[in-house]
Amino acid sequence: MQHNKFLSEQELAKDFVQNTFVNVFVTGKAGTGKTTFLKSIQETTQKKMAVAAPTGVAAINAGGVTLHSLFQLPIGAFLPTKKHFSEIATNINSLFSNLKMGKAKLDLINELELLVIDEVSMLRCDTLDCIDIILKTIRKNQQEAFGGVQVLFIGDMFQLPPVIKDEEWNLLSQFYNTPFFFSAQVMQECHYVHIEFTEIFRQTDNHFIRLLNNVRNNEMEEEDFIKLNERFQPDVIEELDNFITLTTHNWKADKINQNQLAKLDGDIFTFNGSLEGDFNDKALPTEMELNLKVGAQVMFVKNDIKPEKKYYNGKLAQIIKISKEDIVVSFFDDKEEYTLEKAKWDNVRYEYNAEDDKINEKIIGSFSQFPIRLAWAVTIHKSQGLTFDRAVIDAGQSFAAGQVYVALSRCRSLEGVFLLTKIAPNAIKSDERIVVFTQDSVSKISKLVDELDFHKFEFAKAEIYKCFSWDKYLEIIEDYRLFAIEKKLPEKEVILEKIAAVKVTVSEINTISVKFNKWLEQNFALDTQATLNAVIKEKLEKSIVYFGQIIAQNILSVLDTIIDELKVKKNVKGFVKATESVHKTFLTKLHEIEGFRFLDERLYQEESHYTRQYNESSSNKLDTKEVSLMMYKSDKTIDEIAKLRDLTTTTIEGHLAHFIQLGKLSVYDFIEKSDFETIKSATQELGTQQLKPLKDFFEDKFTYGQLKMAVAGLNR
């Protein structure tokens, strides 16, 4: 579906997330590409981002963390009041009396620009208000929702609801109309757009899609129930092979799996998983101890990262050979045999790195196990996000709201649905509050398209103010100065004088930047066209040149002399490292200013002042690879660097690969994480990291340059 210049709702949502401050709620029926959209944001955003989810399993699936670990949320109900109501609930006062965050966590929250919350149907209203209050307080910004952090909510409200105890709701109902996230107090005050993805990729049968819509919206008619209950075929189920049963409770799924396993002849083989570091054993994607037999029906719980893509999350297979070391399966769909390898799931923690001004993922733990689980049965909860060709649906017990829809929508077609019992009207439970909310709040696409340019322009203006803001750097240079005072250093007074001079420069830059930002505000206020007029553009271009020269000559060059003088001295390694860190922080700031773009237009096209300064100084001539690095960090492409330096692109790729291997550049700047893992698997399979065999293996999938970067990343 095309809306004006947009190819899809996905592109519109992505533009709002990437290029505005507006909070976004992305929803859509099962199979409309919400997970794909999330992965696209993770791979492409330039914002400092963290991904979180309400539960451990959802967090692992999203490649993020739990909301509770990210914000150190209290257990149980949170009441958005300072009054004391109950011992079983946390209020605002008790929240902050118990909240203990170290500097690293505070830095992360203060620098956070985009918070993604996946599986938002399970997010409780009080949890969201607690997050809002924590962000506002730590970021010292009570005026804006979430303390100025943009939030992207992703999920289908017609799927699994929040978990809330009766005694908790007795308290929370005094503050909230519903337990859902949209009833949070912060959602009443904040501006957000609600974008629904409508194109369905999982199912292609329009009749089945219409039936699913009616189940989802609680609009089932008599003929719908007749059509659905035609899938109640008990005789067929008894003869059915290669299916999975979707049921409501863990104990029922476990019982079916264990009973079926016991019916098989042969020995049980036990395969033990392993935990490393910090990994929540309550959120394991499969069992720590996998008990398997020949003939066992299993389901994959991870996507294949190899180029062949032999399996995906939810694919069914049967074990045909087994030993203490090996498991061989036959896929249900094509009967191809496949020997399993262990897979790894990572638990990440987000950390702010001041040197490159980014929020990075740090792997703090992992779980390794064969990527399968017994799969004669699985709970509807664990089936969320999976796709099956054939499934038996156990509707024998009452379903929570949304469970019938989740179960049915796992299947590609109605012909793949088999019911253990007929589904009565009272089993189709769509919460009327969700129906009303969805009808009232989904934004009209045409209206959003009209609004987008305004929001993008406001975001672009704010990016200018941020680019020329120096408050954070005043703190950094002062902390560095105090650190120097405490250290025993050779020629300490001379070094302190140099640091003092740098501090004066930063203070002067800050004063000028404050005046410059005020000038910008006044001139933007006079211009009602939402465009970058010639006067402002010229001023910006001159300011970039001015600040670039000052940073290169009066800050970076001074720090360089300190490093050069001390790196040959003894017992100052720690201080040299600290100086290098401060140097990198200011170099990152220089690259931010020189690489600044306003609505995708780059305003400074020349070589970095820092690179030029060293090229012009014969006594400080940079290594040729260092020159390429500086030019790359000043936002030049590989082709541009090669052209400016009169070198081949292959040579420049070699220079940058050198710095990937040293850890000074991230391999993910040049190749997507999934592609890196694909190349990594190929090197293991081929037993070589040589480029020619890899190129032959992948043919046109990757360039030599991409392979070179990936190999450098492997050798880091």
Foldseek 3Di string as FASTA:
>chain_A
DDDVPRPFLLVLQLLCQQQFLAAEEEEEAPQLCLLVSLVVCVQDHPAFEFEEECDLQVQLVSVGYHLCVLLVDDPAFEDDDPDDDDPRYHYPVNRVVPDDDDPFSLVSLLRHAEYEYEQQQQPWQRSLLVQQVSSCVSNVNPPAGSVSHHYYYYYYNQADHHDHDPVRCVVCVVPFPDGHNCRHPSVVVHGHAYAYRYDGDLADDPVLVVLLVCLSLVNDDPVSLVVLQVLADVVVVVVDPDAFAAEADPVVQVVVLVVVQVPDDDDWAWDAKDKDFDDPPVNDLADRIATDDQFFKKFFCAFDLAPVRPHHHGFIWGFHDDDNPWTWTQGPPPRDIDIWDKDKGFHWDWGAQLLQRHIDTDGRMMMIDTRIHGGNYDYLVSCQSAADQAYEYECVDADDRSSVSSVSVNYHDSVRYHYNDRDDSNNSDGPVVVSVCVVPRHDDPNVSVVCSLVSSLVSLLVLLLVLQAQPVVLVLLVVLLVVLVPDDDVVSVVLSVLSVQLSVLSVVSNVVSVVVNVVVVVVVVVDPPSDCDPVNLVVLLVVLVVVQLCLQPRPLVSLVVVLVVPVVDPPCVVSSVSSVSSNSSSLSSNLCSLQRDRVNHRSHDDAGNNLVVQCPDPVNNDDPLVSLVSRVSNVDDLVRSCVVVVHDSVVSLVSVLVVLLVVNDPLSVPPPPSVLVNLVVVCVVVVHLDQVVSCVVCVPPDDSSNSSNSSSNVND
